[in-house]
């Protein structure tokens, strides 16, 4: 996981995937915030702190936690101070504290029992009527070298993510796959990786290396168009699954 965080810290400002991710997630966050100021937010598994910085800049008082000390070091180096070391299965905050909680690419690497406890904990710390914005890896057919790098234990479908969230107390309001426009290429590449045998972690770092500028620009533009379309039309497939779920008032 430390290798993943180090590679992410180098790539997430410019890499087309990370830029695309922000284009997909910001409309859901804006919808959840609904123009309100001074919100309290919690990023569950804040990693390098880049997404936590985004929450701070746009929505209010944001805090985060991560299990890895490496991630917290990156976050603090970036000037994000309100971070702590903790497990998503035991969130160190009182019940009904936050307006919004986020979990970006965390749940899929948690053991089954911790995964279930994590979503219950996210619901617990939300205020009644509060919302969770969650992003996870999607579609088992897209398992590949990146799965090794991220210590991925599972990939989700709409049905499996809903089946995880609803028993924990959430009501799913919106769900869409993302990166659908890149699906054919990813399907071919990751299928070939599985046929050849998945690479060890030390050789999988190329999965999140920033491509050459022209390629990065084209792929970024493709995802920008898809993100605009996804605001009005949920995507039927893709490499990630993005969800807005609410704790009943």
C-alpha atoms as a PDB file:
ATOM      1  CA  UNK A   1       0.000   0.000   0.000  1.00  0.00           C
ATOM      2  CA  UNK A   2       2.875   2.401   0.679  1.00  0.00           C
ATOM      3  CA  UNK A   3       4.052   1.974  -2.933  1.00  0.00           C
ATOM      4  CA  UNK A   4       0.555   2.833  -4.151  1.00  0.00           C
ATOM      5  CA  UNK A   5       0.432   5.982  -2.028  1.00  0.00           C
ATOM      6  CA  UNK A   6       3.843   7.112  -3.218  1.00  0.00           C
ATOM      7  CA  UNK A   7       2.886   6.563  -6.862  1.00  0.00           C
ATOM      8  CA  UNK A   8      -0.447   8.296  -6.301  1.00  0.00           C
ATOM      9  CA  UNK A   9       1.213  11.334  -4.744  1.00  0.00           C
ATOM     10  CA  UNK A  10       3.357  11.713  -7.868  1.00  0.00           C
ATOM     11  CA  UNK A  11       0.507  11.266 -10.344  1.00  0.00           C
ATOM     12  CA  UNK A  12      -2.770  12.559  -8.949  1.00  0.00           C
ATOM     13  CA  UNK A  13      -2.378  16.199  -9.941  1.00  0.00           C
ATOM     14  CA  UNK A  14      -1.942  15.505 -13.668  1.00  0.00           C
ATOM     15  CA  UNK A  15      -2.935  11.919 -14.461  1.00  0.00           C
ATOM     16  CA  UNK A  16      -6.049  11.724 -16.647  1.00  0.00           C
ATOM     17  CA  UNK A  17      -7.728   9.188 -14.326  1.00  0.00           C
ATOM     18  CA  UNK A  18      -7.425  11.364 -11.228  1.00  0.00           C
ATOM     19  CA  UNK A  19      -8.529  14.473 -13.099  1.00  0.00           C
ATOM     20  CA  UNK A  20     -11.462  12.504 -14.477  1.00  0.00           C
ATOM     21  CA  UNK A  21     -12.326  11.237 -11.012  1.00  0.00           C
ATOM     22  CA  UNK A  22     -12.600  14.780  -9.716  1.00  0.00           C
ATOM     23  CA  UNK A  23     -14.891  15.693 -12.623  1.00  0.00           C
ATOM     24  CA  UNK A  24     -17.167  12.780 -11.769  1.00  0.00           C
ATOM     25  CA  UNK A  25     -17.283  13.288  -8.019  1.00  0.00           C
ATOM     26  CA  UNK A  26     -17.641  17.074  -7.732  1.00  0.00           C
ATOM     27  CA  UNK A  27     -21.221  17.217  -9.098  1.00  0.00           C
ATOM     28  CA  UNK A  28     -22.327  14.690  -6.475  1.00  0.00           C
ATOM     29  CA  UNK A  29     -20.593  16.644  -3.732  1.00  0.00           C
ATOM     30  CA  UNK A  30     -22.141  19.887  -4.997  1.00  0.00           C
ATOM     31  CA  UNK A  31     -25.561  18.222  -5.045  1.00  0.00           C
ATOM     32  CA  UNK A  32     -25.063  17.020  -1.485  1.00  0.00           C
ATOM     33  CA  UNK A  33     -23.777  20.361  -0.208  1.00  0.00           C
ATOM     34  CA  UNK A  34     -26.696  22.169  -1.920  1.00  0.00           C
ATOM     35  CA  UNK A  35     -25.005  25.544  -1.591  1.00  0.00           C
ATOM     36  CA  UNK A  36     -24.668  25.329   2.186  1.00  0.00           C
ATOM     37  CA  UNK A  37     -21.598  26.792   3.870  1.00  0.00           C
ATOM     38  CA  UNK A  38     -19.704  25.643   6.940  1.00  0.00           C
ATOM     39  CA  UNK A  39     -20.409  21.950   6.528  1.00  0.00           C
ATOM     40  CA  UNK A  40     -18.572  19.304   8.529  1.00  0.00           C
ATOM     41  CA  UNK A  41     -17.022  16.611   6.347  1.00  0.00           C
ATOM     42  CA  UNK A  42     -15.044  13.442   6.980  1.00  0.00           C
ATOM     43  CA  UNK A  43     -12.884  11.650   4.407  1.00  0.00           C
ATOM     44  CA  UNK A  44     -12.651   7.984   5.418  1.00  0.00           C
ATOM     45  CA  UNK A  45      -9.305   6.746   4.124  1.00  0.00           C
ATOM     46  CA  UNK A  46      -7.872  10.106   3.096  1.00  0.00           C
ATOM     47  CA  UNK A  47      -4.658   8.698   1.609  1.00  0.00           C
ATOM     48  CA  UNK A  48      -2.364  11.496   0.467  1.00  0.00           C
ATOM     49  CA  UNK A  49      -4.857  14.195   1.484  1.00  0.00           C
ATOM     50  CA  UNK A  50      -5.466  15.573  -2.020  1.00  0.00           C
ATOM     51  CA  UNK A  51      -9.202  14.872  -1.929  1.00  0.00           C
ATOM     52  CA  UNK A  52      -9.382  16.158   1.635  1.00  0.00           C
ATOM     53  CA  UNK A  53      -7.867  19.421   0.432  1.00  0.00           C
ATOM     54  CA  UNK A  54     -10.591  19.584  -2.229  1.00  0.00           C
ATOM     55  CA  UNK A  55     -13.273  19.198   0.458  1.00  0.00           C
ATOM     56  CA  UNK A  56     -11.664  21.881   2.598  1.00  0.00           C
ATOM     57  CA  UNK A  57     -11.422  24.369  -0.245  1.00  0.00           C
ATOM     58  CA  UNK A  58     -15.038  24.002  -1.371  1.00  0.00           C
ATOM     59  CA  UNK A  59     -17.347  22.887   1.413  1.00  0.00           C
ATOM     60  CA  UNK A  60     -16.305  23.643   4.965  1.00  0.00           C
ATOM     61  CA  UNK A  61     -14.480  22.018   7.860  1.00  0.00           C
ATOM     62  CA  UNK A  62     -13.061  18.727   6.566  1.00  0.00           C
ATOM     63  CA  UNK A  63     -11.208  16.090   8.548  1.00  0.00           C
ATOM     64  CA  UNK A  64      -9.737  12.781   7.491  1.00  0.00           C
ATOM     65  CA  UNK A  65      -8.169   9.590   8.708  1.00  0.00           C
ATOM     66  CA  UNK A  66      -6.140   6.816   7.163  1.00  0.00           C
ATOM     67  CA  UNK A  67      -4.758   3.528   8.393  1.00  0.00           C
ATOM     68  CA  UNK A  68      -1.357   4.110   6.790  1.00  0.00           C
ATOM     69  CA  UNK A  69       1.215   6.422   8.335  1.00  0.00           C
ATOM     70  CA  UNK A  70       2.669   7.088   4.866  1.00  0.00           C
ATOM     71  CA  UNK A  71      -0.604   8.595   3.665  1.00  0.00           C
ATOM     72  CA  UNK A  72      -0.812  10.875   6.685  1.00  0.00           C
ATOM     73  CA  UNK A  73       2.754  12.071   6.112  1.00  0.00           C
ATOM     74  CA  UNK A  74       1.868  13.069   2.549  1.00  0.00           C
ATOM     75  CA  UNK A  75      -1.289  14.819   3.757  1.00  0.00           C
ATOM     76  CA  UNK A  76       0.528  16.810   6.424  1.00  0.00           C
ATOM     77  CA  UNK A  77       3.296  17.729   3.990  1.00  0.00           C
ATOM     78  CA  UNK A  78       0.577  19.153   1.722  1.00  0.00           C
ATOM     79  CA  UNK A  79      -0.652  21.340   4.583  1.00  0.00           C
ATOM     80  CA  UNK A  80      -3.663  19.246   5.617  1.00  0.00           C
ATOM     81  CA  UNK A  81      -3.558  19.275   9.407  1.00  0.00           C
ATOM     82  CA  UNK A  82      -6.806  17.666  10.567  1.00  0.00           C
ATOM     83  CA  UNK A  83      -5.873  14.034   9.941  1.00  0.00           C
ATOM     84  CA  UNK A  84      -5.556  11.033  12.230  1.00  0.00           C
ATOM     85  CA  UNK A  85      -4.469   7.416  12.027  1.00  0.00           C
ATOM     86  CA  UNK A  86      -7.474   5.110  12.403  1.00  0.00           C
ATOM     87  CA  UNK A  87      -9.370   2.214  10.869  1.00  0.00           C
ATOM     88  CA  UNK A  88     -12.558   2.677   8.837  1.00  0.00           C
ATOM     89  CA  UNK A  89     -14.036  -0.093  10.962  1.00  0.00           C
ATOM     90  CA  UNK A  90     -13.717   2.005  14.127  1.00  0.00           C
ATOM     91  CA  UNK A  91     -14.134   5.678  13.222  1.00  0.00           C
ATOM     92  CA  UNK A  92     -12.883   7.828  16.131  1.00  0.00           C
ATOM     93  CA  UNK A  93     -15.692  10.404  16.143  1.00  0.00           C
ATOM     94  CA  UNK A  94     -19.013  10.657  18.004  1.00  0.00           C
ATOM     95  CA  UNK A  95     -22.297   9.692  16.346  1.00  0.00           C
ATOM     96  CA  UNK A  96     -24.174  12.283  14.248  1.00  0.00           C
ATOM     97  CA  UNK A  97     -21.142  14.569  13.831  1.00  0.00           C
ATOM     98  CA  UNK A  98     -20.818  15.111  10.065  1.00  0.00           C
ATOM     99  CA  UNK A  99     -22.955  16.458   7.218  1.00  0.00           C
ATOM    100  CA  UNK A 100     -21.031  14.535   4.535  1.00  0.00           C
ATOM    101  CA  UNK A 101     -18.696  11.558   4.657  1.00  0.00           C
ATOM    102  CA  UNK A 102     -16.634  10.372   1.722  1.00  0.00           C
ATOM    103  CA  UNK A 103     -14.876   7.105   0.951  1.00  0.00           C
ATOM    104  CA  UNK A 104     -12.816   7.100  -2.233  1.00  0.00           C
ATOM    105  CA  UNK A 105     -11.356   3.760  -3.342  1.00  0.00           C
ATOM    106  CA  UNK A 106     -11.074   2.294   0.141  1.00  0.00           C
ATOM    107  CA  UNK A 107     -13.838  -0.267   0.691  1.00  0.00           C
ATOM    108  CA  UNK A 108     -12.587  -2.721  -1.922  1.00  0.00           C
ATOM    109  CA  UNK A 109      -9.357  -3.408  -0.025  1.00  0.00           C
ATOM    110  CA  UNK A 110     -10.983  -4.075   3.366  1.00  0.00           C
ATOM    111  CA  UNK A 111     -11.600  -7.607   4.674  1.00  0.00           C
ATOM    112  CA  UNK A 112     -15.278  -8.567   4.585  1.00  0.00           C
ATOM    113  CA  UNK A 113     -15.979  -7.965   8.267  1.00  0.00           C
ATOM    114  CA  UNK A 114     -14.187  -4.603   8.286  1.00  0.00           C
ATOM    115  CA  UNK A 115     -15.930  -3.580   5.050  1.00  0.00           C
ATOM    116  CA  UNK A 116     -19.362  -4.146   6.614  1.00  0.00           C
ATOM    117  CA  UNK A 117     -18.380  -2.400   9.841  1.00  0.00           C
ATOM    118  CA  UNK A 118     -16.934   0.544   7.884  1.00  0.00           C
ATOM    119  CA  UNK A 119     -20.233   1.390   6.175  1.00  0.00           C
ATOM    120  CA  UNK A 120     -22.085   1.041   9.484  1.00  0.00           C
ATOM    121  CA  UNK A 121     -19.583   3.412  11.053  1.00  0.00           C
ATOM    122  CA  UNK A 122     -19.952   5.924   8.218  1.00  0.00           C
ATOM    123  CA  UNK A 123     -23.711   5.899   8.733  1.00  0.00           C
ATOM    124  CA  UNK A 124     -23.278   6.265  12.496  1.00  0.00           C
ATOM    125  CA  UNK A 125     -21.122   9.406  12.328  1.00  0.00           C
ATOM    126  CA  UNK A 126     -23.445  11.113   9.836  1.00  0.00           C
ATOM    127  CA  UNK A 127     -26.100  13.491  11.059  1.00  0.00           C
ATOM    128  CA  UNK A 128     -29.667  12.440  10.214  1.00  0.00           C
ATOM    129  CA  UNK A 129     -30.216  13.502   6.613  1.00  0.00           C
ATOM    130  CA  UNK A 130     -26.473  13.535   5.957  1.00  0.00           C
ATOM    131  CA  UNK A 131     -24.954  11.886   2.903  1.00  0.00           C
ATOM    132  CA  UNK A 132     -22.082   9.627   1.916  1.00  0.00           C
ATOM    133  CA  UNK A 133     -20.271   9.883  -1.425  1.00  0.00           C
ATOM    134  CA  UNK A 134     -18.514   6.595  -2.137  1.00  0.00           C
ATOM    135  CA  UNK A 135     -16.289   5.451  -5.003  1.00  0.00           C
ATOM    136  CA  UNK A 136     -15.231   1.821  -5.466  1.00  0.00           C
ATOM    137  CA  UNK A 137     -13.602  -0.392  -8.086  1.00  0.00           C
ATOM    138  CA  UNK A 138     -16.188  -2.010 -10.354  1.00  0.00           C
ATOM    139  CA  UNK A 139     -16.711  -5.123 -12.461  1.00  0.00           C
ATOM    140  CA  UNK A 140     -14.704  -8.256 -11.704  1.00  0.00           C
ATOM    141  CA  UNK A 141     -13.878  -8.613 -15.393  1.00  0.00           C
ATOM    142  CA  UNK A 142     -11.598  -5.567 -15.032  1.00  0.00           C
ATOM    143  CA  UNK A 143      -9.312  -7.109 -12.431  1.00  0.00           C
ATOM    144  CA  UNK A 144      -5.707  -6.537 -13.515  1.00  0.00           C
ATOM    145  CA  UNK A 145      -2.268  -5.360 -12.432  1.00  0.00           C
ATOM    146  CA  UNK A 146      -3.746  -2.346 -10.684  1.00  0.00           C
ATOM    147  CA  UNK A 147      -5.602  -4.776  -8.430  1.00  0.00           C
ATOM    148  CA  UNK A 148      -2.252  -6.031  -7.139  1.00  0.00           C
ATOM    149  CA  UNK A 149      -0.985  -2.523  -6.493  1.00  0.00           C
ATOM    150  CA  UNK A 150      -4.102  -1.508  -4.539  1.00  0.00           C
ATOM    151  CA  UNK A 151      -4.411  -4.787  -2.574  1.00  0.00           C
ATOM    152  CA  UNK A 152      -7.879  -5.155  -4.091  1.00  0.00           C
ATOM    153  CA  UNK A 153     -10.052  -7.850  -2.505  1.00  0.00           C
ATOM    154  CA  UNK A 154     -13.201  -7.345  -4.570  1.00  0.00           C
ATOM    155  CA  UNK A 155     -14.813  -5.264  -7.292  1.00  0.00           C
ATOM    156  CA  UNK A 156     -18.426  -4.136  -7.072  1.00  0.00           C
ATOM    157  CA  UNK A 157     -21.599  -4.151  -9.128  1.00  0.00           C
ATOM    158  CA  UNK A 158     -24.620  -1.918  -8.544  1.00  0.00           C
ATOM    159  CA  UNK A 159     -26.353  -4.801  -6.793  1.00  0.00           C
ATOM    160  CA  UNK A 160     -23.454  -5.715  -4.498  1.00  0.00           C
ATOM    161  CA  UNK A 161     -22.792  -2.113  -3.451  1.00  0.00           C
ATOM    162  CA  UNK A 162     -26.478  -1.539  -2.740  1.00  0.00           C
ATOM    163  CA  UNK A 163     -26.586  -4.800  -0.747  1.00  0.00           C
ATOM    164  CA  UNK A 164     -23.680  -3.498   1.354  1.00  0.00           C
ATOM    165  CA  UNK A 165     -25.074  -0.018   2.012  1.00  0.00           C
ATOM    166  CA  UNK A 166     -28.762  -0.549   2.660  1.00  0.00           C
ATOM    167  CA  UNK A 167     -28.442  -2.966   5.635  1.00  0.00           C
ATOM    168  CA  UNK A 168     -26.089  -0.412   7.230  1.00  0.00           C
ATOM    169  CA  UNK A 169     -28.888   2.174   7.225  1.00  0.00           C
ATOM    170  CA  UNK A 170     -28.274   4.063   3.988  1.00  0.00           C
ATOM    171  CA  UNK A 171     -30.783   4.919   1.294  1.00  0.00           C
ATOM    172  CA  UNK A 172     -29.118   4.922  -2.146  1.00  0.00           C
ATOM    173  CA  UNK A 173     -30.051   8.052  -4.113  1.00  0.00           C
ATOM    174  CA  UNK A 174     -27.759   7.899  -7.118  1.00  0.00           C
ATOM    175  CA  UNK A 175     -25.322   5.387  -8.560  1.00  0.00           C
ATOM    176  CA  UNK A 176     -23.335   5.426 -11.784  1.00  0.00           C
ATOM    177  CA  UNK A 177     -20.400   3.602 -13.264  1.00  0.00           C
ATOM    178  CA  UNK A 178     -17.563   5.845 -14.442  1.00  0.00           C
ATOM    179  CA  UNK A 179     -14.773   5.567 -17.029  1.00  0.00           C
ATOM    180  CA  UNK A 180     -17.229   3.847 -19.372  1.00  0.00           C
ATOM    181  CA  UNK A 181     -15.623   5.436 -22.422  1.00  0.00           C
ATOM    182  CA  UNK A 182     -12.340   3.664 -21.616  1.00  0.00           C
ATOM    183  CA  UNK A 183     -14.014   0.325 -20.922  1.00  0.00           C
ATOM    184  CA  UNK A 184     -13.127  -1.442 -24.221  1.00  0.00           C
ATOM    185  CA  UNK A 185      -9.431  -0.596 -23.903  1.00  0.00           C
ATOM    186  CA  UNK A 186      -9.322  -1.514 -20.218  1.00  0.00           C
ATOM    187  CA  UNK A 187     -11.144  -4.778 -20.860  1.00  0.00           C
ATOM    188  CA  UNK A 188      -8.565  -5.784 -23.469  1.00  0.00           C
ATOM    189  CA  UNK A 189      -5.535  -4.676 -21.458  1.00  0.00           C
ATOM    190  CA  UNK A 190      -6.606  -6.218 -18.166  1.00  0.00           C
ATOM    191  CA  UNK A 191      -7.757  -9.406 -19.842  1.00  0.00           C
ATOM    192  CA  UNK A 192      -4.300  -9.747 -21.368  1.00  0.00           C
ATOM    193  CA  UNK A 193      -2.720  -9.081 -17.969  1.00  0.00           C
ATOM    194  CA  UNK A 194      -4.709 -11.886 -16.377  1.00  0.00           C
ATOM    195  CA  UNK A 195      -3.811 -14.286 -19.191  1.00  0.00           C
ATOM    196  CA  UNK A 196      -0.115 -13.451 -18.774  1.00  0.00           C
ATOM    197  CA  UNK A 197      -0.307 -13.623 -14.976  1.00  0.00           C
ATOM    198  CA  UNK A 198      -0.714 -10.517 -12.829  1.00  0.00           C
ATOM    199  CA  UNK A 199       2.499  -8.588 -12.230  1.00  0.00           C
ATOM    200  CA  UNK A 200       4.051  -8.374  -8.753  1.00  0.00           C
ATOM    201  CA  UNK A 201       3.564  -5.108  -6.910  1.00  0.00           C
ATOM    202  CA  UNK A 202       7.029  -3.819  -7.825  1.00  0.00           C
ATOM    203  CA  UNK A 203       6.212  -4.143 -11.536  1.00  0.00           C
ATOM    204  CA  UNK A 204       2.646  -2.807 -11.365  1.00  0.00           C
ATOM    205  CA  UNK A 205       3.583   0.822 -10.612  1.00  0.00           C
ATOM    206  CA  UNK A 206       3.290   1.722 -14.292  1.00  0.00           C
ATOM    207  CA  UNK A 207      -0.484   1.450 -13.875  1.00  0.00           C
ATOM    208  CA  UNK A 208      -0.580   4.963 -12.395  1.00  0.00           C
ATOM    209  CA  UNK A 209       2.342   6.593 -14.143  1.00  0.00           C
ATOM    210  CA  UNK A 210       1.284   9.733 -16.029  1.00  0.00           C
ATOM    211  CA  UNK A 211       1.185   8.917 -19.775  1.00  0.00           C
ATOM    212  CA  UNK A 212       2.895  11.084 -22.370  1.00  0.00           C
ATOM    213  CA  UNK A 213       1.302  14.517 -22.608  1.00  0.00           C
ATOM    214  CA  UNK A 214      -0.686  14.018 -25.872  1.00  0.00           C
ATOM    215  CA  UNK A 215      -2.142  10.696 -24.676  1.00  0.00           C
ATOM    216  CA  UNK A 216      -2.892  12.092 -21.236  1.00  0.00           C
ATOM    217  CA  UNK A 217      -4.635  15.105 -22.771  1.00  0.00           C
ATOM    218  CA  UNK A 218      -6.805  13.026 -25.112  1.00  0.00           C
ATOM    219  CA  UNK A 219      -7.870  10.605 -22.394  1.00  0.00           C
ATOM    220  CA  UNK A 220      -8.562  13.478 -20.032  1.00  0.00           C
ATOM    221  CA  UNK A 221     -10.782  15.132 -22.648  1.00  0.00           C
ATOM    222  CA  UNK A 222     -12.677  11.885 -23.212  1.00  0.00           C
ATOM    223  CA  UNK A 223     -13.403  11.568 -19.498  1.00  0.00           C
ATOM    224  CA  UNK A 224     -14.447  15.231 -19.305  1.00  0.00           C
ATOM    225  CA  UNK A 225     -17.126  14.582 -21.939  1.00  0.00           C
ATOM    226  CA  UNK A 226     -18.266  11.441 -20.128  1.00  0.00           C
ATOM    227  CA  UNK A 227     -18.427  13.265 -16.791  1.00  0.00           C
ATOM    228  CA  UNK A 228     -20.707  15.889 -18.332  1.00  0.00           C
ATOM    229  CA  UNK A 229     -22.974  13.169 -19.735  1.00  0.00           C
ATOM    230  CA  UNK A 230     -23.016  11.257 -16.438  1.00  0.00           C
ATOM    231  CA  UNK A 231     -24.649  14.231 -14.720  1.00  0.00           C
ATOM    232  CA  UNK A 232     -27.895  13.438 -16.543  1.00  0.00           C
ATOM    233  CA  UNK A 233     -27.501   9.800 -17.590  1.00  0.00           C
ATOM    234  CA  UNK A 234     -25.957   7.107 -15.354  1.00  0.00           C
ATOM    235  CA  UNK A 235     -23.356   5.034 -17.175  1.00  0.00           C
ATOM    236  CA  UNK A 236     -24.247   1.308 -17.587  1.00  0.00           C
ATOM    237  CA  UNK A 237     -20.691   0.004 -17.070  1.00  0.00           C
ATOM    238  CA  UNK A 238     -17.201   1.223 -16.234  1.00  0.00           C
ATOM    239  CA  UNK A 239     -14.127   0.611 -14.128  1.00  0.00           C
ATOM    240  CA  UNK A 240     -15.439   2.466 -11.060  1.00  0.00           C
ATOM    241  CA  UNK A 241     -18.789   2.794  -9.343  1.00  0.00           C
ATOM    242  CA  UNK A 242     -19.752   6.124  -7.784  1.00  0.00           C
ATOM    243  CA  UNK A 243     -22.612   6.355  -5.296  1.00  0.00           C
ATOM    244  CA  UNK A 244     -24.521   8.970  -3.335  1.00  0.00           C
ATOM    245  CA  UNK A 245     -26.282   7.435  -0.330  1.00  0.00           C
ATOM    246  CA  UNK A 246     -28.165   9.193   2.452  1.00  0.00           C
ATOM    247  CA  UNK A 247     -28.861   8.530   6.119  1.00  0.00           C
ATOM    248  CA  UNK A 248     -32.617   8.951   6.619  1.00  0.00           C
ATOM    249  CA  UNK A 249     -33.621  12.082   8.524  1.00  0.00           C
END
